[in-house]
Amino acid sequence: EDYSLQASQDEYPALIINNESSAEKLQHALKI
């Protein structure tokens, strides 16, 4: 019924997202 909540991570560093995406890099990060 359209219920939602927002939560932020405590002490979360601001991150810059790489404009060039890489499924291979992501797959490695997920695996480990």
PDB file of all heavy atoms in Angstrom:
ATOM      1  N   GLU A   1       0.817  -1.222   0.000  1.00  0.00           N
ATOM      2  CA  GLU A   1       0.000   0.000   0.000  1.00  0.00           C
ATOM      3  C   GLU A   1       0.853   1.276   0.000  1.00  0.00           C
ATOM      4  O   GLU A   1       0.582   2.214   0.743  1.00  0.00           O
ATOM      5  CB  GLU A   1      -0.960  -0.012   1.185  1.00  0.00           C
ATOM      6  CG  GLU A   1      -1.939  -1.181   1.146  1.00  0.00           C
ATOM      7  CD  GLU A   1      -2.844  -1.242   2.350  1.00  0.00           C
ATOM      8  OE1 GLU A   1      -2.986  -0.220   3.062  1.00  0.00           O
ATOM      9  OE2 GLU A   1      -3.419  -2.315   2.585  1.00  0.00           O
ATOM     10  N   ASP A   2       1.887   1.293  -0.825  1.00  0.00           N
ATOM     11  CA  ASP A   2       2.749   2.462  -1.002  1.00  0.00           C
ATOM     12  C   ASP A   2       3.474   2.907   0.269  1.00  0.00           C
ATOM     13  O   ASP A   2       3.903   4.052   0.387  1.00  0.00           O
ATOM     14  CB  ASP A   2       1.966   3.647  -1.584  1.00  0.00           C
ATOM     15  CG  ASP A   2       1.457   3.361  -2.982  1.00  0.00           C
ATOM     16  OD1 ASP A   2       2.157   2.667  -3.739  1.00  0.00           O
ATOM     17  OD2 ASP A   2       0.354   3.840  -3.308  1.00  0.00           O
ATOM     18  N   TYR A   3       3.598   2.019   1.242  1.00  0.00           N
ATOM     19  CA  TYR A   3       4.338   2.329   2.465  1.00  0.00           C
ATOM     20  C   TYR A   3       5.829   2.299   2.163  1.00  0.00           C
ATOM     21  O   TYR A   3       6.318   1.410   1.466  1.00  0.00           O
ATOM     22  CB  TYR A   3       3.996   1.293   3.545  1.00  0.00           C
ATOM     23  CG  TYR A   3       4.687   1.535   4.859  1.00  0.00           C
ATOM     24  CD1 TYR A   3       4.251   2.531   5.727  1.00  0.00           C
ATOM     25  CD2 TYR A   3       5.782   0.761   5.240  1.00  0.00           C
ATOM     26  CE1 TYR A   3       4.881   2.748   6.946  1.00  0.00           C
ATOM     27  CE2 TYR A   3       6.411   0.972   6.454  1.00  0.00           C
ATOM     28  CZ  TYR A   3       5.961   1.965   7.294  1.00  0.00           C
ATOM     29  OH  TYR A   3       6.581   2.183   8.492  1.00  0.00           O
ATOM     30  N   SER A   4       6.576   3.287   2.673  1.00  0.00           N
ATOM     31  CA  SER A   4       8.030   3.278   2.498  1.00  0.00           C
ATOM     32  C   SER A   4       8.716   4.010   3.644  1.00  0.00           C
ATOM     33  O   SER A   4       8.116   4.865   4.298  1.00  0.00           O
ATOM     34  CB  SER A   4       8.435   3.905   1.160  1.00  0.00           C
ATOM     35  OG  SER A   4       8.154   5.279   1.150  1.00  0.00           O
ATOM     36  N   LEU A   5       9.961   3.626   3.870  1.00  0.00           N
ATOM     37  CA  LEU A   5      10.829   4.254   4.859  1.00  0.00           C
ATOM     38  C   LEU A   5      12.193   4.463   4.236  1.00  0.00           C
ATOM     39  O   LEU A   5      12.631   3.656   3.411  1.00  0.00           O
ATOM     40  CB  LEU A   5      11.034   3.342   6.072  1.00  0.00           C
ATOM     41  CG  LEU A   5       9.923   3.141   7.065  1.00  0.00           C
ATOM     42  CD1 LEU A   5      10.358   2.113   8.109  1.00  0.00           C
ATOM     43  CD2 LEU A   5       9.572   4.442   7.748  1.00  0.00           C
ATOM     44  N   GLN A   6      12.887   5.500   4.674  1.00  0.00           N
ATOM     45  CA  GLN A   6      14.261   5.732   4.226  1.00  0.00           C
ATOM     46  C   GLN A   6      15.192   5.579   5.407  1.00  0.00           C
ATOM     47  O   GLN A   6      14.869   6.013   6.514  1.00  0.00           O
ATOM     48  CB  GLN A   6      14.412   7.133   3.647  1.00  0.00           C
ATOM     49  CG  GLN A   6      13.654   7.344   2.374  1.00  0.00           C
ATOM     50  CD  GLN A   6      13.936   8.708   1.763  1.00  0.00           C
ATOM     51  OE1 GLN A   6      14.767   9.453   2.250  1.00  0.00           O
ATOM     52  NE2 GLN A   6      13.241   9.018   0.701  1.00  0.00           N
ATOM     53  N   ALA A   7      16.334   4.967   5.143  1.00  0.00           N
ATOM     54  CA  ALA A   7      17.358   4.808   6.175  1.00  0.00           C
ATOM     55  C   ALA A   7      18.707   5.087   5.549  1.00  0.00           C
ATOM     56  O   ALA A   7      18.973   4.677   4.420  1.00  0.00           O
ATOM     57  CB  ALA A   7      17.316   3.398   6.749  1.00  0.00           C
ATOM     58  N   SER A   8      19.543   5.802   6.272  1.00  0.00           N
ATOM     59  CA  SER A   8      20.902   6.060   5.808  1.00  0.00           C
ATOM     60  C   SER A   8      21.868   5.253   6.661  1.00  0.00           C
ATOM     61  O   SER A   8      21.634   5.028   7.842  1.00  0.00           O
ATOM     62  CB  SER A   8      21.249   7.541   5.922  1.00  0.00           C
ATOM     63  OG  SER A   8      20.450   8.285   5.040  1.00  0.00           O
ATOM     64  N   GLN A   9      22.965   4.840   6.045  1.00  0.00           N
ATOM     65  CA  GLN A   9      23.996   4.122   6.777  1.00  0.00           C
ATOM     66  C   GLN A   9      24.761   5.105   7.656  1.00  0.00           C
ATOM     67  O   GLN A   9      25.129   6.183   7.210  1.00  0.00           O
ATOM     68  CB  GLN A   9      24.967   3.448   5.804  1.00  0.00           C
ATOM     69  CG  GLN A   9      24.346   2.314   5.026  1.00  0.00           C
ATOM     70  CD  GLN A   9      24.007   1.141   5.907  1.00  0.00           C
ATOM     71  OE1 GLN A   9      24.722   0.784   6.819  1.00  0.00           O
ATOM     72  NE2 GLN A   9      22.885   0.524   5.616  1.00  0.00           N
ATOM     73  N   ASP A  10      25.004   4.729   8.891  1.00  0.00           N
ATOM     74  CA  ASP A  10      25.826   5.550   9.774  1.00  0.00           C
ATOM     75  C   ASP A  10      27.277   5.508   9.300  1.00  0.00           C
ATOM     76  O   ASP A  10      27.767   4.463   8.866  1.00  0.00           O
ATOM     77  CB  ASP A  10      25.741   5.033  11.217  1.00  0.00           C
ATOM     78  CG  ASP A  10      24.332   5.131  11.775  1.00  0.00           C
ATOM     79  OD1 ASP A  10      23.597   6.039  11.359  1.00  0.00           O
ATOM     80  OD2 ASP A  10      23.978   4.297  12.617  1.00  0.00           O
ATOM     81  N   GLU A  11      27.946   6.643   9.387  1.00  0.00           N
ATOM     82  CA  GLU A  11      29.364   6.745   9.034  1.00  0.00           C
ATOM     83  C   GLU A  11      29.663   6.205   7.634  1.00  0.00           C
ATOM     84  O   GLU A  11      30.624   5.489   7.409  1.00  0.00           O
ATOM     85  CB  GLU A  11      30.220   6.016  10.067  1.00  0.00           C
ATOM     86  CG  GLU A  11      30.058   6.597  11.465  1.00  0.00           C
ATOM     87  CD  GLU A  11      30.875   5.845  12.491  1.00  0.00           C
ATOM     88  OE1 GLU A  11      31.972   5.378  12.160  1.00  0.00           O
ATOM     89  OE2 GLU A  11      30.402   5.735  13.620  1.00  0.00           O
ATOM     90  N   TYR A  12      28.814   6.530   6.702  1.00  0.00           N
ATOM     91  CA  TYR A  12      28.971   6.063   5.324  1.00  0.00           C
ATOM     92  C   TYR A  12      29.717   7.131   4.528  1.00  0.00           C
ATOM     93  O   TYR A  12      29.262   8.278   4.458  1.00  0.00           O
ATOM     94  CB  TYR A  12      27.581   5.825   4.717  1.00  0.00           C
ATOM     95  CG  TYR A  12      27.568   5.122   3.384  1.00  0.00           C
ATOM     96  CD1 TYR A  12      27.371   3.747   3.317  1.00  0.00           C
ATOM     97  CD2 TYR A  12      27.726   5.816   2.193  1.00  0.00           C
ATOM     98  CE1 TYR A  12      27.336   3.093   2.100  1.00  0.00           C
ATOM     99  CE2 TYR A  12      27.691   5.164   0.979  1.00  0.00           C
ATOM    100  CZ  TYR A  12      27.491   3.801   0.935  1.00  0.00           C
ATOM    101  OH  TYR A  12      27.452   3.147  -0.271  1.00  0.00           O
ATOM    102  N   PRO A  13      30.858   6.785   3.929  1.00  0.00           N
ATOM    103  CA  PRO A  13      31.607   7.794   3.164  1.00  0.00           C
ATOM    104  C   PRO A  13      30.905   8.103   1.840  1.00  0.00           C
ATOM    105  O   PRO A  13      30.323   7.216   1.219  1.00  0.00           O
ATOM    106  CB  PRO A  13      32.946   7.104   2.901  1.00  0.00           C
ATOM    107  CG  PRO A  13      32.609   5.643   2.881  1.00  0.00           C
ATOM    108  CD  PRO A  13      31.485   5.465   3.879  1.00  0.00           C
ATOM    109  N   ALA A  14      30.937   9.370   1.434  1.00  0.00           N
ATOM    110  CA  ALA A  14      30.388   9.725   0.123  1.00  0.00           C
ATOM    111  C   ALA A  14      31.252   9.056  -0.941  1.00  0.00           C
ATOM    112  O   ALA A  14      32.481   9.125  -0.883  1.00  0.00           O
ATOM    113  CB  ALA A  14      30.393  11.231  -0.060  1.00  0.00           C
ATOM    114  N   LEU A  15      30.618   8.375  -1.871  1.00  0.00           N
ATOM    115  CA  LEU A  15      31.342   7.636  -2.905  1.00  0.00           C
ATOM    116  C   LEU A  15      31.051   8.219  -4.286  1.00  0.00           C
ATOM    117  O   LEU A  15      29.927   8.642  -4.561  1.00  0.00           O
ATOM    118  CB  LEU A  15      30.943   6.155  -2.886  1.00  0.00           C
ATOM    119  CG  LEU A  15      31.207   5.409  -1.587  1.00  0.00           C
ATOM    120  CD1 LEU A  15      30.650   3.996  -1.657  1.00  0.00           C
ATOM    121  CD2 LEU A  15      32.696   5.377  -1.272  1.00  0.00           C
ATOM    122  N   ILE A  16      32.052   8.215  -5.131  1.00  0.00           N
ATOM    123  CA  ILE A  16      31.886   8.667  -6.512  1.00  0.00           C
ATOM    124  C   ILE A  16      31.690   7.432  -7.376  1.00  0.00           C
ATOM    125  O   ILE A  16      32.490   6.482  -7.320  1.00  0.00           O
ATOM    126  CB  ILE A  16      33.106   9.476  -6.981  1.00  0.00           C
ATOM    127  CG1 ILE A  16      33.207  10.753  -6.137  1.00  0.00           C
ATOM    128  CG2 ILE A  16      32.998   9.809  -8.466  1.00  0.00           C
ATOM    129  CD1 ILE A  16      34.471  11.537  -6.342  1.00  0.00           C
ATOM    130  N   ILE A  17      30.613   7.440  -8.149  1.00  0.00           N
ATOM    131  CA  ILE A  17      30.283   6.305  -9.009  1.00  0.00           C
ATOM    132  C   ILE A  17      31.064   6.429 -10.315  1.00  0.00           C
ATOM    133  O   ILE A  17      31.001   7.458 -10.986  1.00  0.00           O
ATOM    134  CB  ILE A  17      28.766   6.255  -9.312  1.00  0.00           C
ATOM    135  CG1 ILE A  17      27.945   6.308  -8.011  1.00  0.00           C
ATOM    136  CG2 ILE A  17      28.425   5.019 -10.138  1.00  0.00           C
ATOM    137  CD1 ILE A  17      28.225   5.225  -7.020  1.00  0.00           C
ATOM    138  N   ASN A  18      31.783   5.392 -10.658  1.00  0.00           N
ATOM    139  CA  ASN A  18      32.547   5.348 -11.898  1.00  0.00           C
ATOM    140  C   ASN A  18      31.586   5.429 -13.084  1.00  0.00           C
ATOM    141  O   ASN A  18      30.584   4.710 -13.127  1.00  0.00           O
ATOM    142  CB  ASN A  18      33.364   4.051 -11.951  1.00  0.00           C
ATOM    143  CG  ASN A  18      34.383   4.029 -13.062  1.00  0.00           C
ATOM    144  OD1 ASN A  18      34.296   4.769 -14.039  1.00  0.00           O
ATOM    145  ND2 ASN A  18      35.361   3.147 -12.913  1.00  0.00           N
ATOM    146  N   ASN A  19      31.852   6.317 -14.038  1.00  0.00           N
ATOM    147  CA  ASN A  19      30.997   6.444 -15.217  1.00  0.00           C
ATOM    148  C   ASN A  19      31.111   5.252 -16.156  1.00  0.00           C
ATOM    149  O   ASN A  19      30.217   5.010 -16.960  1.00  0.00           O
ATOM    150  CB  ASN A  19      31.320   7.731 -15.980  1.00  0.00           C
ATOM    151  CG  ASN A  19      30.793   8.951 -15.259  1.00  0.00           C
ATOM    152  OD1 ASN A  19      29.781   8.896 -14.585  1.00  0.00           O
ATOM    153  ND2 ASN A  19      31.510  10.051 -15.381  1.00  0.00           N
ATOM    154  N   GLU A  20      32.227   4.542 -16.068  1.00  0.00           N
ATOM    155  CA  GLU A  20      32.407   3.346 -16.900  1.00  0.00           C
ATOM    156  C   GLU A  20      32.059   2.128 -16.063  1.00  0.00           C
ATOM    157  O   GLU A  20      32.790   1.762 -15.150  1.00  0.00           O
ATOM    158  CB  GLU A  20      33.855   3.255 -17.397  1.00  0.00           C
ATOM    159  CG  GLU A  20      34.205   4.331 -18.394  1.00  0.00           C
ATOM    160  CD  GLU A  20      35.596   4.149 -18.967  1.00  0.00           C
ATOM    161  OE1 GLU A  20      36.038   2.995 -19.128  1.00  0.00           O
ATOM    162  OE2 GLU A  20      36.231   5.176 -19.243  1.00  0.00           O
ATOM    163  N   SER A  21      30.924   1.526 -16.365  1.00  0.00           N
ATOM    164  CA  SER A  21      30.492   0.373 -15.584  1.00  0.00           C
ATOM    165  C   SER A  21      31.196  -0.897 -16.056  1.00  0.00           C
ATOM    166  O   SER A  21      31.588  -1.016 -17.212  1.00  0.00           O
ATOM    167  CB  SER A  21      28.979   0.210 -15.657  1.00  0.00           C
ATOM    168  OG  SER A  21      28.557   0.077 -16.989  1.00  0.00           O
ATOM    169  N   SER A  22      31.351  -1.822 -15.122  1.00  0.00           N
ATOM    170  CA  SER A  22      32.029  -3.080 -15.411  1.00  0.00           C
ATOM    171  C   SER A  22      31.359  -4.222 -14.658  1.00  0.00           C
ATOM    172  O   SER A  22      31.493  -4.341 -13.430  1.00  0.00           O
ATOM    173  CB  SER A  22      33.503  -2.995 -15.009  1.00  0.00           C
ATOM    174  OG  SER A  22      34.102  -4.273 -15.058  1.00  0.00           O
ATOM    175  N   ALA A  23      30.645  -5.065 -15.403  1.00  0.00           N
ATOM    176  CA  ALA A  23      30.019  -6.232 -14.794  1.00  0.00           C
ATOM    177  C   ALA A  23      31.087  -7.173 -14.236  1.00  0.00           C
ATOM    178  O   ALA A  23      30.853  -7.844 -13.221  1.00  0.00           O
ATOM    179  CB  ALA A  23      29.141  -6.957 -15.810  1.00  0.00           C
ATOM    180  N   GLU A  24      32.257  -7.211 -14.864  1.00  0.00           N
ATOM    181  CA  GLU A  24      33.332  -8.096 -14.406  1.00  0.00           C
ATOM    182  C   GLU A  24      33.850  -7.656 -13.033  1.00  0.00           C
ATOM    183  O   GLU A  24      34.035  -8.484 -12.140  1.00  0.00           O
ATOM    184  CB  GLU A  24      34.484  -8.129 -15.420  1.00  0.00           C
ATOM    185  CG  GLU A  24      34.130  -8.786 -16.738  1.00  0.00           C
ATOM    186  CD  GLU A  24      33.311  -7.876 -17.674  1.00  0.00           C
ATOM    187  OE1 GLU A  24      33.364  -6.625 -17.543  1.00  0.00           O
ATOM    188  OE2 GLU A  24      32.597  -8.427 -18.536  1.00  0.00           O
ATOM    189  N   LYS A  25      34.085  -6.351 -12.871  1.00  0.00           N
ATOM    190  CA  LYS A  25      34.530  -5.840 -11.563  1.00  0.00           C
ATOM    191  C   LYS A  25      33.472  -6.122 -10.498  1.00  0.00           C
ATOM    192  O   LYS A  25      33.799  -6.510  -9.376  1.00  0.00           O
ATOM    193  CB  LYS A  25      34.778  -4.331 -11.628  1.00  0.00           C
ATOM    194  CG  LYS A  25      36.072  -3.912 -12.232  1.00  0.00           C
ATOM    195  CD  LYS A  25      36.195  -2.381 -12.107  1.00  0.00           C
ATOM    196  CE  LYS A  25      37.455  -1.841 -12.704  1.00  0.00           C
ATOM    197  NZ  LYS A  25      37.534  -0.367 -12.573  1.00  0.00           N
ATOM    198  N   LEU A  26      32.218  -5.896 -10.859  1.00  0.00           N
ATOM    199  CA  LEU A  26      31.134  -6.126  -9.914  1.00  0.00           C
ATOM    200  C   LEU A  26      31.047  -7.597  -9.542  1.00  0.00           C
ATOM    201  O   LEU A  26      30.890  -7.935  -8.369  1.00  0.00           O
ATOM    202  CB  LEU A  26      29.806  -5.632 -10.488  1.00  0.00           C
ATOM    203  CG  LEU A  26      28.574  -5.887  -9.615  1.00  0.00           C
ATOM    204  CD1 LEU A  26      28.719  -5.251  -8.237  1.00  0.00           C
ATOM    205  CD2 LEU A  26      27.324  -5.380 -10.318  1.00  0.00           C
ATOM    206  N   GLN A  27      31.177  -8.470 -10.520  1.00  0.00           N
ATOM    207  CA  GLN A  27      31.105  -9.912 -10.246  1.00  0.00           C
ATOM    208  C   GLN A  27      32.196 -10.330  -9.251  1.00  0.00           C
ATOM    209  O   GLN A  27      31.942 -11.100  -8.332  1.00  0.00           O
ATOM    210  CB  GLN A  27      31.236 -10.725 -11.544  1.00  0.00           C
ATOM    211  CG  GLN A  27      30.988 -12.209 -11.356  1.00  0.00           C
ATOM    212  CD  GLN A  27      29.585 -12.508 -10.873  1.00  0.00           C
ATOM    213  OE1 GLN A  27      28.600 -12.076 -11.455  1.00  0.00           O
ATOM    214  NE2 GLN A  27      29.477 -13.241  -9.784  1.00  0.00           N
ATOM    215  N   HIS A  28      33.402  -9.793  -9.445  1.00  0.00           N
ATOM    216  CA  HIS A  28      34.499 -10.102  -8.520  1.00  0.00           C
ATOM    217  C   HIS A  28      34.173  -9.580  -7.116  1.00  0.00           C
ATOM    218  O   HIS A  28      34.360 -10.296  -6.116  1.00  0.00           O
ATOM    219  CB  HIS A  28      35.819  -9.502  -9.026  1.00  0.00           C
ATOM    220  CG  HIS A  28      36.934  -9.650  -8.047  1.00  0.00           C
ATOM    221  ND1 HIS A  28      37.541 -10.858  -7.794  1.00  0.00           N
ATOM    222  CD2 HIS A  28      37.527  -8.743  -7.241  1.00  0.00           C
ATOM    223  CE1 HIS A  28      38.472 -10.693  -6.871  1.00  0.00           C
ATOM    224  NE2 HIS A  28      38.485  -9.411  -6.518  1.00  0.00           N
ATOM    225  N   ALA A  29      33.700  -8.327  -7.022  1.00  0.00           N
ATOM    226  CA  ALA A  29      33.358  -7.745  -5.723  1.00  0.00           C
ATOM    227  C   ALA A  29      32.268  -8.557  -5.028  1.00  0.00           C
ATOM    228  O   ALA A  29      32.338  -8.801  -3.811  1.00  0.00           O
ATOM    229  CB  ALA A  29      32.915  -6.293  -5.902  1.00  0.00           C
ATOM    230  N   LEU A  30      31.261  -8.989  -5.785  1.00  0.00           N
ATOM    231  CA  LEU A  30      30.188  -9.809  -5.218  1.00  0.00           C
ATOM    232  C   LEU A  30      30.714 -11.141  -4.704  1.00  0.00           C
ATOM    233  O   LEU A  30      30.356 -11.583  -3.608  1.00  0.00           O
ATOM    234  CB  LEU A  30      29.104 -10.070  -6.268  1.00  0.00           C
ATOM    235  CG  LEU A  30      28.123  -8.942  -6.505  1.00  0.00           C
ATOM    236  CD1 LEU A  30      27.323  -9.187  -7.777  1.00  0.00           C
ATOM    237  CD2 LEU A  30      27.196  -8.789  -5.308  1.00  0.00           C
ATOM    238  N   LYS A  31      31.562 -11.764  -5.478  1.00  0.00           N
ATOM    239  CA  LYS A  31      32.093 -13.087  -5.106  1.00  0.00           C
ATOM    240  C   LYS A  31      32.831 -13.028  -3.775  1.00  0.00           C
ATOM    241  O   LYS A  31      32.559 -13.821  -2.872  1.00  0.00           O
ATOM    242  CB  LYS A  31      33.014 -13.617  -6.198  1.00  0.00           C
ATOM    243  CG  LYS A  31      33.582 -14.979  -5.887  1.00  0.00           C
ATOM    244  CD  LYS A  31      34.505 -15.464  -6.989  1.00  0.00           C
ATOM    245  CE  LYS A  31      35.096 -16.806  -6.597  1.00  0.00           C
ATOM    246  NZ  LYS A  31      36.093 -17.264  -7.546  1.00  0.00           N
ATOM    247  N   ILE A  32      33.749 -12.074  -3.646  1.00  0.00           N
ATOM    248  CA  ILE A  32      34.517 -12.025  -2.399  1.00  0.00           C
ATOM    249  C   ILE A  32      33.668 -11.540  -1.225  1.00  0.00           C
ATOM    250  O   ILE A  32      33.855 -11.974  -0.093  1.00  0.00           O
ATOM    251  CB  ILE A  32      35.829 -11.218  -2.552  1.00  0.00           C
ATOM    252  CG1 ILE A  32      35.572  -9.759  -2.897  1.00  0.00           C
ATOM    253  CG2 ILE A  32      36.745 -11.876  -3.582  1.00  0.00           C
ATOM    254  CD1 ILE A  32      36.829  -8.895  -2.904  1.00  0.00           C
TER     255      ILE A  32
END
